[in-house]
Amino acid sequence: KDTANFLRIVATMVQPKKILEIGTAIGYSTKILLDV
């Protein structure tokens, strides 16, 4: 959860147009990136 929160902060600051995620698993962190 704390890693997920850090990822949210980074993605919110960067506001990237294109993101690459290596290791989807069930899409939990993917969803976090898409939401922010």
Full PDB file with SEQRES, HELIX, SHEET, SSBOND, CRYST1, ORIGX, SCALE, CONECT and MASTER records, all heavy atoms in Angstrom:
SEQRES   1 A   36  LYS ASP THR ALA ASN PHE LEU ARG ILE VAL ALA THR MET          
SEQRES   2 A   36  VAL GLN PRO LYS LYS ILE LEU GLU ILE GLY THR ALA ILE          
SEQRES   3 A   36  GLY TYR SER THR LYS ILE LEU LEU ASP VAL                      
HELIX    1 AA1 ASP A    2  VAL A   14  1                                  13    
HELIX    2 AA2 TYR A   28  ASP A   35  1                                   8    
CRYST1    1.000    1.000    1.000  90.00  90.00  90.00 P 1           1          
ORIGX1      1.000000  0.000000  0.000000        0.00000                         
ORIGX2      0.000000  1.000000  0.000000        0.00000                         
ORIGX3      0.000000  0.000000  1.000000        0.00000                         
SCALE1      1.000000  0.000000  0.000000        0.00000                         
SCALE2      0.000000  1.000000  0.000000        0.00000                         
SCALE3      0.000000  0.000000  1.000000        0.00000                         
ATOM      1  N   LYS A   1       0.813  -1.216   0.000  1.00  0.00           N  
ATOM      2  CA  LYS A   1       0.000   0.000   0.000  1.00  0.00           C  
ATOM      3  C   LYS A   1       0.849   1.270   0.000  1.00  0.00           C  
ATOM      4  O   LYS A   1       0.533   2.244  -0.688  1.00  0.00           O  
ATOM      5  CB  LYS A   1      -0.952  -0.007   1.207  1.00  0.00           C  
ATOM      6  CG  LYS A   1      -2.199   0.849   1.020  1.00  0.00           C  
ATOM      7  CD  LYS A   1      -3.059   0.348  -0.125  1.00  0.00           C  
ATOM      8  CE  LYS A   1      -4.343   1.151  -0.293  1.00  0.00           C  
ATOM      9  NZ  LYS A   1      -5.369   0.797   0.691  1.00  0.00           N  
ATOM     10  N   ASP A   2       1.959   1.288   0.754  1.00  0.00           N  
ATOM     11  CA  ASP A   2       2.794   2.492   0.756  1.00  0.00           C  
ATOM     12  C   ASP A   2       3.526   2.661  -0.576  1.00  0.00           C  
ATOM     13  O   ASP A   2       3.721   3.796  -1.048  1.00  0.00           O  
ATOM     14  CB  ASP A   2       3.772   2.509   1.927  1.00  0.00           C  
ATOM     15  CG  ASP A   2       4.584   1.242   2.081  1.00  0.00           C  
ATOM     16  OD1 ASP A   2       4.277   0.245   1.398  1.00  0.00           O  
ATOM     17  OD2 ASP A   2       5.526   1.231   2.900  1.00  0.00           O  
ATOM     18  N   THR A   3       3.879   1.551  -1.217  1.00  0.00           N  
ATOM     19  CA  THR A   3       4.484   1.625  -2.548  1.00  0.00           C  
ATOM     20  C   THR A   3       3.470   2.133  -3.558  1.00  0.00           C  
ATOM     21  O   THR A   3       3.790   2.955  -4.422  1.00  0.00           O  
ATOM     22  CB  THR A   3       5.012   0.243  -2.983  1.00  0.00           C  
ATOM     23  OG1 THR A   3       5.912  -0.250  -2.002  1.00  0.00           O  
ATOM     24  CG2 THR A   3       5.715   0.329  -4.327  1.00  0.00           C  
ATOM     25  N   ALA A   4       2.242   1.643  -3.453  1.00  0.00           N  
ATOM     26  CA  ALA A   4       1.172   2.098  -4.341  1.00  0.00           C  
ATOM     27  C   ALA A   4       0.950   3.597  -4.192  1.00  0.00           C  
ATOM     28  O   ALA A   4       0.749   4.319  -5.183  1.00  0.00           O  
ATOM     29  CB  ALA A   4      -0.120   1.337  -4.040  1.00  0.00           C  
ATOM     30  N   ASN A   5       0.997   4.087  -2.970  1.00  0.00           N  
ATOM     31  CA  ASN A   5       0.802   5.519  -2.728  1.00  0.00           C  
ATOM     32  C   ASN A   5       1.950   6.323  -3.339  1.00  0.00           C  
ATOM     33  O   ASN A   5       1.729   7.390  -3.935  1.00  0.00           O  
ATOM     34  CB  ASN A   5       0.710   5.783  -1.231  1.00  0.00           C  
ATOM     35  CG  ASN A   5       0.282   7.192  -0.914  1.00  0.00           C  
ATOM     36  OD1 ASN A   5      -0.742   7.666  -1.409  1.00  0.00           O  
ATOM     37  ND2 ASN A   5       1.047   7.875  -0.091  1.00  0.00           N  
ATOM     38  N   PHE A   6       3.175   5.810  -3.197  1.00  0.00           N  
ATOM     39  CA  PHE A   6       4.328   6.478  -3.812  1.00  0.00           C  
ATOM     40  C   PHE A   6       4.182   6.521  -5.331  1.00  0.00           C  
ATOM     41  O   PHE A   6       4.452   7.552  -5.965  1.00  0.00           O  
ATOM     42  CB  PHE A   6       5.614   5.737  -3.430  1.00  0.00           C  
ATOM     43  CG  PHE A   6       6.843   6.253  -4.123  1.00  0.00           C  
ATOM     44  CD1 PHE A   6       7.397   7.461  -3.759  1.00  0.00           C  
ATOM     45  CD2 PHE A   6       7.428   5.516  -5.141  1.00  0.00           C  
ATOM     46  CE1 PHE A   6       8.537   7.941  -4.401  1.00  0.00           C  
ATOM     47  CE2 PHE A   6       8.554   5.981  -5.791  1.00  0.00           C  
ATOM     48  CZ  PHE A   6       9.111   7.203  -5.419  1.00  0.00           C  
ATOM     49  N   LEU A   7       3.732   5.425  -5.906  1.00  0.00           N  
ATOM     50  CA  LEU A   7       3.543   5.365  -7.352  1.00  0.00           C  
ATOM     51  C   LEU A   7       2.497   6.387  -7.803  1.00  0.00           C  
ATOM     52  O   LEU A   7       2.655   7.032  -8.842  1.00  0.00           O  
ATOM     53  CB  LEU A   7       3.120   3.950  -7.752  1.00  0.00           C  
ATOM     54  CG  LEU A   7       3.118   3.605  -9.238  1.00  0.00           C  
ATOM     55  CD1 LEU A   7       4.518   3.757  -9.829  1.00  0.00           C  
ATOM     56  CD2 LEU A   7       2.613   2.177  -9.438  1.00  0.00           C  
ATOM     57  N   ARG A   8       1.440   6.529  -7.023  1.00  0.00           N  
ATOM     58  CA  ARG A   8       0.407   7.534  -7.320  1.00  0.00           C  
ATOM     59  C   ARG A   8       1.001   8.933  -7.336  1.00  0.00           C  
ATOM     60  O   ARG A   8       0.706   9.747  -8.207  1.00  0.00           O  
ATOM     61  CB  ARG A   8      -0.698   7.490  -6.259  1.00  0.00           C  
ATOM     62  CG  ARG A   8      -1.598   6.294  -6.308  1.00  0.00           C  
ATOM     63  CD  ARG A   8      -2.520   6.289  -5.091  1.00  0.00           C  
ATOM     64  NE  ARG A   8      -3.505   7.350  -5.152  1.00  0.00           N  
ATOM     65  CZ  ARG A   8      -3.779   8.200  -4.167  1.00  0.00           C  
ATOM     66  NH1 ARG A   8      -3.104   8.138  -3.040  1.00  0.00           N  
ATOM     67  NH2 ARG A   8      -4.708   9.107  -4.299  1.00  0.00           N  
ATOM     68  N   ILE A   9       1.849   9.220  -6.349  1.00  0.00           N  
ATOM     69  CA  ILE A   9       2.449  10.549  -6.252  1.00  0.00           C  
ATOM     70  C   ILE A   9       3.346  10.825  -7.456  1.00  0.00           C  
ATOM     71  O   ILE A   9       3.273  11.885  -8.086  1.00  0.00           O  
ATOM     72  CB  ILE A   9       3.250  10.680  -4.942  1.00  0.00           C  
ATOM     73  CG1 ILE A   9       2.290  10.670  -3.743  1.00  0.00           C  
ATOM     74  CG2 ILE A   9       4.094  11.949  -4.937  1.00  0.00           C  
ATOM     75  CD1 ILE A   9       2.976  10.530  -2.408  1.00  0.00           C  
ATOM     76  N   VAL A  10       4.193   9.853  -7.793  1.00  0.00           N  
ATOM     77  CA  VAL A  10       5.102  10.025  -8.928  1.00  0.00           C  
ATOM     78  C   VAL A  10       4.312  10.230 -10.219  1.00  0.00           C  
ATOM     79  O   VAL A  10       4.589  11.156 -10.998  1.00  0.00           O  
ATOM     80  CB  VAL A  10       6.042   8.806  -9.066  1.00  0.00           C  
ATOM     81  CG1 VAL A  10       6.833   8.885 -10.371  1.00  0.00           C  
ATOM     82  CG2 VAL A  10       6.983   8.727  -7.876  1.00  0.00           C  
ATOM     83  N   ALA A  11       3.322   9.382 -10.461  1.00  0.00           N  
ATOM     84  CA  ALA A  11       2.535   9.477 -11.686  1.00  0.00           C  
ATOM     85  C   ALA A  11       1.757  10.785 -11.753  1.00  0.00           C  
ATOM     86  O   ALA A  11       1.627  11.397 -12.821  1.00  0.00           O  
ATOM     87  CB  ALA A  11       1.583   8.285 -11.789  1.00  0.00           C  
ATOM     88  N   THR A  12       1.252  11.238 -10.620  1.00  0.00           N  
ATOM     89  CA  THR A  12       0.517  12.504 -10.579  1.00  0.00           C  
ATOM     90  C   THR A  12       1.437  13.670 -10.908  1.00  0.00           C  
ATOM     91  O   THR A  12       1.057  14.605 -11.629  1.00  0.00           O  
ATOM     92  CB  THR A  12      -0.115  12.717  -9.190  1.00  0.00           C  
ATOM     93  OG1 THR A  12      -1.013  11.647  -8.906  1.00  0.00           O  
ATOM     94  CG2 THR A  12      -0.879  14.028  -9.134  1.00  0.00           C  
ATOM     95  N   MET A  13       2.658  13.637 -10.408  1.00  0.00           N  
ATOM     96  CA  MET A  13       3.613  14.710 -10.680  1.00  0.00           C  
ATOM     97  C   MET A  13       4.081  14.706 -12.135  1.00  0.00           C  
ATOM     98  O   MET A  13       4.173  15.748 -12.766  1.00  0.00           O  
ATOM     99  CB  MET A  13       4.816  14.569  -9.744  1.00  0.00           C  
ATOM    100  CG  MET A  13       4.503  14.834  -8.283  1.00  0.00           C  
ATOM    101  SD  MET A  13       5.924  14.518  -7.203  1.00  0.00           S  
ATOM    102  CE  MET A  13       7.078  15.758  -7.780  1.00  0.00           C  
ATOM    103  N   VAL A  14       4.354  13.516 -12.654  1.00  0.00           N  
ATOM    104  CA  VAL A  14       4.910  13.407 -14.003  1.00  0.00           C  
ATOM    105  C   VAL A  14       3.837  13.599 -15.067  1.00  0.00           C  
ATOM    106  O   VAL A  14       4.083  14.185 -16.115  1.00  0.00           O  
ATOM    107  CB  VAL A  14       5.604  12.041 -14.185  1.00  0.00           C  
ATOM    108  CG1 VAL A  14       6.105  11.863 -15.615  1.00  0.00           C  
ATOM    109  CG2 VAL A  14       6.750  11.899 -13.202  1.00  0.00           C  
ATOM    110  N   GLN A  15       2.624  13.106 -14.802  1.00  0.00           N  
ATOM    111  CA  GLN A  15       1.527  13.095 -15.776  1.00  0.00           C  
ATOM    112  C   GLN A  15       2.033  12.605 -17.147  1.00  0.00           C  
ATOM    113  O   GLN A  15       1.974  13.309 -18.158  1.00  0.00           O  
ATOM    114  CB  GLN A  15       0.886  14.475 -15.887  1.00  0.00           C  
ATOM    115  CG  GLN A  15      -0.036  14.809 -14.733  1.00  0.00           C  
ATOM    116  CD  GLN A  15      -1.204  13.813 -14.594  1.00  0.00           C  
ATOM    117  OE1 GLN A  15      -1.933  13.543 -15.546  1.00  0.00           O  
ATOM    118  NE2 GLN A  15      -1.352  13.265 -13.401  1.00  0.00           N  
ATOM    119  N   PRO A  16       2.533  11.398 -17.179  1.00  0.00           N  
ATOM    120  CA  PRO A  16       3.110  10.855 -18.412  1.00  0.00           C  
ATOM    121  C   PRO A  16       2.051  10.596 -19.480  1.00  0.00           C  
ATOM    122  O   PRO A  16       0.924  10.220 -19.173  1.00  0.00           O  
ATOM    123  CB  PRO A  16       3.730   9.537 -17.943  1.00  0.00           C  
ATOM    124  CG  PRO A  16       2.890   9.141 -16.762  1.00  0.00           C  
ATOM    125  CD  PRO A  16       2.525  10.418 -16.081  1.00  0.00           C  
ATOM    126  N   LYS A  17       2.444  10.794 -20.726  1.00  0.00           N  
ATOM    127  CA  LYS A  17       1.544  10.473 -21.826  1.00  0.00           C  
ATOM    128  C   LYS A  17       1.560   8.970 -22.097  1.00  0.00           C  
ATOM    129  O   LYS A  17       0.527   8.391 -22.434  1.00  0.00           O  
ATOM    130  CB  LYS A  17       1.950  11.246 -23.087  1.00  0.00           C  
ATOM    131  CG  LYS A  17       1.757  12.748 -22.976  1.00  0.00           C  
ATOM    132  CD  LYS A  17       2.168  13.439 -24.261  1.00  0.00           C  
ATOM    133  CE  LYS A  17       1.960  14.948 -24.151  1.00  0.00           C  
ATOM    134  NZ  LYS A  17       2.385  15.654 -25.396  1.00  0.00           N  
ATOM    135  N   LYS A  18       2.721   8.362 -21.942  1.00  0.00           N  
ATOM    136  CA  LYS A  18       2.847   6.927 -22.205  1.00  0.00           C  
ATOM    137  C   LYS A  18       3.588   6.261 -21.048  1.00  0.00           C  
ATOM    138  O   LYS A  18       4.651   6.717 -20.632  1.00  0.00           O  
ATOM    139  CB  LYS A  18       3.571   6.672 -23.519  1.00  0.00           C  
ATOM    140  CG  LYS A  18       2.815   7.174 -24.741  1.00  0.00           C  
ATOM    141  CD  LYS A  18       3.538   6.835 -26.021  1.00  0.00           C  
ATOM    142  CE  LYS A  18       3.508   5.360 -26.289  1.00  0.00           C  
ATOM    143  NZ  LYS A  18       4.111   5.007 -27.600  1.00  0.00           N  
ATOM    144  N   ILE A  19       2.994   5.176 -20.555  1.00  0.00           N  
ATOM    145  CA  ILE A  19       3.542   4.438 -19.421  1.00  0.00           C  
ATOM    146  C   ILE A  19       3.780   2.989 -19.833  1.00  0.00           C  
ATOM    147  O   ILE A  19       2.930   2.381 -20.490  1.00  0.00           O  
ATOM    148  CB  ILE A  19       2.567   4.462 -18.224  1.00  0.00           C  
ATOM    149  CG1 ILE A  19       2.266   5.893 -17.789  1.00  0.00           C  
ATOM    150  CG2 ILE A  19       3.120   3.639 -17.063  1.00  0.00           C  
ATOM    151  CD1 ILE A  19       1.138   5.993 -16.771  1.00  0.00           C  
ATOM    152  N   LEU A  20       4.923   2.452 -19.415  1.00  0.00           N  
ATOM    153  CA  LEU A  20       5.194   1.031 -19.592  1.00  0.00           C  
ATOM    154  C   LEU A  20       5.280   0.399 -18.219  1.00  0.00           C  
ATOM    155  O   LEU A  20       6.058   0.851 -17.363  1.00  0.00           O  
ATOM    156  CB  LEU A  20       6.499   0.808 -20.352  1.00  0.00           C  
ATOM    157  CG  LEU A  20       6.966  -0.648 -20.496  1.00  0.00           C  
ATOM    158  CD1 LEU A  20       5.965  -1.460 -21.312  1.00  0.00           C  
ATOM    159  CD2 LEU A  20       8.353  -0.719 -21.131  1.00  0.00           C  
ATOM    160  N   GLU A  21       4.501  -0.654 -18.005  1.00  0.00           N  
ATOM    161  CA  GLU A  21       4.548  -1.411 -16.756  1.00  0.00           C  
ATOM    162  C   GLU A  21       5.025  -2.826 -17.062  1.00  0.00           C  
ATOM    163  O   GLU A  21       4.462  -3.496 -17.944  1.00  0.00           O  
ATOM    164  CB  GLU A  21       3.170  -1.454 -16.108  1.00  0.00           C  
ATOM    165  CG  GLU A  21       3.135  -2.269 -14.819  1.00  0.00           C  
ATOM    166  CD  GLU A  21       1.741  -2.373 -14.224  1.00  0.00           C  
ATOM    167  OE1 GLU A  21       0.780  -2.633 -14.990  1.00  0.00           O  
ATOM    168  OE2 GLU A  21       1.618  -2.207 -13.005  1.00  0.00           O  
ATOM    169  N   ILE A  22       6.024  -3.265 -16.337  1.00  0.00           N  
ATOM    170  CA  ILE A  22       6.566  -4.611 -16.539  1.00  0.00           C  
ATOM    171  C   ILE A  22       6.168  -5.452 -15.338  1.00  0.00           C  
ATOM    172  O   ILE A  22       6.725  -5.317 -14.253  1.00  0.00           O  
ATOM    173  CB  ILE A  22       8.101  -4.561 -16.705  1.00  0.00           C  
ATOM    174  CG1 ILE A  22       8.464  -3.631 -17.866  1.00  0.00           C  
ATOM    175  CG2 ILE A  22       8.669  -5.957 -16.937  1.00  0.00           C  
ATOM    176  CD1 ILE A  22       9.908  -3.185 -17.867  1.00  0.00           C  
ATOM    177  N   GLY A  23       5.165  -6.295 -15.530  1.00  0.00           N  
ATOM    178  CA  GLY A  23       4.605  -7.097 -14.457  1.00  0.00           C  
ATOM    179  C   GLY A  23       3.212  -6.622 -14.094  1.00  0.00           C  
ATOM    180  O   GLY A  23       3.028  -5.849 -13.158  1.00  0.00           O  
ATOM    181  N   THR A  24       2.219  -7.089 -14.835  1.00  0.00           N  
ATOM    182  CA  THR A  24       0.836  -6.654 -14.613  1.00  0.00           C  
ATOM    183  C   THR A  24       0.217  -7.329 -13.400  1.00  0.00           C  
ATOM    184  O   THR A  24      -0.535  -6.704 -12.648  1.00  0.00           O  
ATOM    185  CB  THR A  24      -0.054  -7.011 -15.838  1.00  0.00           C  
ATOM    186  OG1 THR A  24       0.611  -6.671 -17.042  1.00  0.00           O  
ATOM    187  CG2 THR A  24      -1.398  -6.315 -15.760  1.00  0.00           C  
ATOM    188  N   ALA A  25       0.499  -8.617 -13.239  1.00  0.00           N  
ATOM    189  CA  ALA A  25      -0.210  -9.471 -12.270  1.00  0.00           C  
ATOM    190  C   ALA A  25      -1.706  -9.359 -12.563  1.00  0.00           C  
ATOM    191  O   ALA A  25      -2.125  -9.596 -13.697  1.00  0.00           O  
ATOM    192  CB  ALA A  25       0.147  -9.114 -10.837  1.00  0.00           C  
ATOM    193  N   ILE A  26      -2.515  -8.957 -11.584  1.00  0.00           N  
ATOM    194  CA  ILE A  26      -3.970  -8.887 -11.810  1.00  0.00           C  
ATOM    195  C   ILE A  26      -4.431  -7.467 -12.138  1.00  0.00           C  
ATOM    196  O   ILE A  26      -5.629  -7.197 -12.215  1.00  0.00           O  
ATOM    197  CB  ILE A  26      -4.757  -9.418 -10.603  1.00  0.00           C  
ATOM    198  CG1 ILE A  26      -4.416  -8.628  -9.335  1.00  0.00           C  
ATOM    199  CG2 ILE A  26      -4.469 -10.917 -10.416  1.00  0.00           C  
ATOM    200  CD1 ILE A  26      -5.261  -9.004  -8.126  1.00  0.00           C  
ATOM    201  N   GLY A  27      -3.470  -6.551 -12.344  1.00  0.00           N  
ATOM    202  CA  GLY A  27      -3.829  -5.200 -12.779  1.00  0.00           C  
ATOM    203  C   GLY A  27      -3.999  -4.185 -11.665  1.00  0.00           C  
ATOM    204  O   GLY A  27      -4.507  -3.089 -11.895  1.00  0.00           O  
ATOM    205  N   TYR A  28      -3.560  -4.504 -10.462  1.00  0.00           N  
ATOM    206  CA  TYR A  28      -3.765  -3.615  -9.324  1.00  0.00           C  
ATOM    207  C   TYR A  28      -3.011  -2.292  -9.500  1.00  0.00           C  
ATOM    208  O   TYR A  28      -3.607  -1.204  -9.425  1.00  0.00           O  
ATOM    209  CB  TYR A  28      -3.323  -4.311  -8.037  1.00  0.00           C  
ATOM    210  CG  TYR A  28      -3.504  -3.477  -6.789  1.00  0.00           C  
ATOM    211  CD1 TYR A  28      -4.765  -3.293  -6.239  1.00  0.00           C  
ATOM    212  CD2 TYR A  28      -2.413  -2.883  -6.157  1.00  0.00           C  
ATOM    213  CE1 TYR A  28      -4.939  -2.528  -5.086  1.00  0.00           C  
ATOM    214  CE2 TYR A  28      -2.577  -2.129  -5.003  1.00  0.00           C  
ATOM    215  CZ  TYR A  28      -3.838  -1.957  -4.477  1.00  0.00           C  
ATOM    216  OH  TYR A  28      -4.005  -1.199  -3.352  1.00  0.00           O  
ATOM    217  N   SER A  29      -1.713  -2.362  -9.734  1.00  0.00           N  
ATOM    218  CA  SER A  29      -0.943  -1.131  -9.911  1.00  0.00           C  
ATOM    219  C   SER A  29      -1.278  -0.459 -11.233  1.00  0.00           C  
ATOM    220  O   SER A  29      -1.204   0.775 -11.347  1.00  0.00           O  
ATOM    221  CB  SER A  29       0.562  -1.411  -9.818  1.00  0.00           C  
ATOM    222  OG  SER A  29       0.947  -2.448 -10.689  1.00  0.00           O  
ATOM    223  N   THR A  30      -1.676  -1.244 -12.222  1.00  0.00           N  
ATOM    224  CA  THR A  30      -2.095  -0.681 -13.511  1.00  0.00           C  
ATOM    225  C   THR A  30      -3.279   0.239 -13.310  1.00  0.00           C  
ATOM    226  O   THR A  30      -3.339   1.344 -13.863  1.00  0.00           O  
ATOM    227  CB  THR A  30      -2.479  -1.806 -14.489  1.00  0.00           C  
ATOM    228  OG1 THR A  30      -1.612  -2.922 -14.317  1.00  0.00           O  
ATOM    229  CG2 THR A  30      -2.430  -1.311 -15.922  1.00  0.00           C  
ATOM    230  N   LYS A  31      -4.234  -0.213 -12.523  1.00  0.00           N  
ATOM    231  CA  LYS A  31      -5.431   0.583 -12.233  1.00  0.00           C  
ATOM    232  C   LYS A  31      -5.064   1.883 -11.525  1.00  0.00           C  
ATOM    233  O   LYS A  31      -5.621   2.947 -11.833  1.00  0.00           O  
ATOM    234  CB  LYS A  31      -6.411  -0.211 -11.380  1.00  0.00           C  
ATOM    235  CG  LYS A  31      -7.682   0.551 -11.015  1.00  0.00           C  
ATOM    236  CD  LYS A  31      -8.574  -0.267 -10.110  1.00  0.00           C  
ATOM    237  CE  LYS A  31      -9.876   0.479  -9.825  1.00  0.00           C  
ATOM    238  NZ  LYS A  31      -9.661   1.798  -9.173  1.00  0.00           N  
ATOM    239  N   ILE A  32      -4.135   1.820 -10.594  1.00  0.00           N  
ATOM    240  CA  ILE A  32      -3.704   3.017  -9.876  1.00  0.00           C  
ATOM    241  C   ILE A  32      -3.121   4.033 -10.848  1.00  0.00           C  
ATOM    242  O   ILE A  32      -3.430   5.232 -10.786  1.00  0.00           O  
ATOM    243  CB  ILE A  32      -2.693   2.640  -8.783  1.00  0.00           C  
ATOM    244  CG1 ILE A  32      -3.418   1.920  -7.636  1.00  0.00           C  
ATOM    245  CG2 ILE A  32      -1.943   3.859  -8.267  1.00  0.00           C  
ATOM    246  CD1 ILE A  32      -2.515   1.298  -6.617  1.00  0.00           C  
ATOM    247  N   LEU A  33      -2.291   3.574 -11.762  1.00  0.00           N  
ATOM    248  CA  LEU A  33      -1.696   4.468 -12.756  1.00  0.00           C  
ATOM    249  C   LEU A  33      -2.762   5.083 -13.655  1.00  0.00           C  
ATOM    250  O   LEU A  33      -2.729   6.281 -13.945  1.00  0.00           O  
ATOM    251  CB  LEU A  33      -0.670   3.705 -13.596  1.00  0.00           C  
ATOM    252  CG  LEU A  33       0.606   3.280 -12.875  1.00  0.00           C  
ATOM    253  CD1 LEU A  33       1.394   2.281 -13.714  1.00  0.00           C  
ATOM    254  CD2 LEU A  33       1.469   4.495 -12.558  1.00  0.00           C  
ATOM    255  N   LEU A  34      -3.704   4.283 -14.093  1.00  0.00           N  
ATOM    256  CA  LEU A  34      -4.762   4.772 -14.971  1.00  0.00           C  
ATOM    257  C   LEU A  34      -5.666   5.776 -14.265  1.00  0.00           C  
ATOM    258  O   LEU A  34      -6.149   6.734 -14.873  1.00  0.00           O  
ATOM    259  CB  LEU A  34      -5.586   3.594 -15.497  1.00  0.00           C  
ATOM    260  CG  LEU A  34      -4.865   2.695 -16.504  1.00  0.00           C  
ATOM    261  CD1 LEU A  34      -5.569   1.357 -16.628  1.00  0.00           C  
ATOM    262  CD2 LEU A  34      -4.792   3.380 -17.871  1.00  0.00           C  
ATOM    263  N   ASP A  35      -5.890   5.575 -12.980  1.00  0.00           N  
ATOM    264  CA  ASP A  35      -6.780   6.462 -12.227  1.00  0.00           C  
ATOM    265  C   ASP A  35      -6.195   7.860 -12.054  1.00  0.00           C  
ATOM    266  O   ASP A  35      -6.930   8.846 -12.049  1.00  0.00           O  
ATOM    267  CB  ASP A  35      -7.088   5.863 -10.850  1.00  0.00           C  
ATOM    268  CG  ASP A  35      -8.139   4.767 -10.906  1.00  0.00           C  
ATOM    269  OD1 ASP A  35      -8.881   4.698 -11.913  1.00  0.00           O  
ATOM    270  OD2 ASP A  35      -8.214   3.973  -9.950  1.00  0.00           O  
ATOM    271  N   VAL A  36      -4.877   7.951 -11.864  1.00  0.00           N  
ATOM    272  CA  VAL A  36      -4.286   9.269 -11.617  1.00  0.00           C  
ATOM    273  C   VAL A  36      -3.741   9.924 -12.884  1.00  0.00           C  
ATOM    274  O   VAL A  36      -3.384  11.103 -12.867  1.00  0.00           O  
ATOM    275  CB  VAL A  36      -3.172   9.204 -10.555  1.00  0.00           C  
ATOM    276  CG1 VAL A  36      -3.729   8.754  -9.230  1.00  0.00           C  
ATOM    277  CG2 VAL A  36      -2.021   8.322 -10.989  1.00  0.00           C  
TER     278      VAL A  36                                                      
MASTER        0    0    0    2    0    0    0    6  277    1    0    3          
END                                                                             
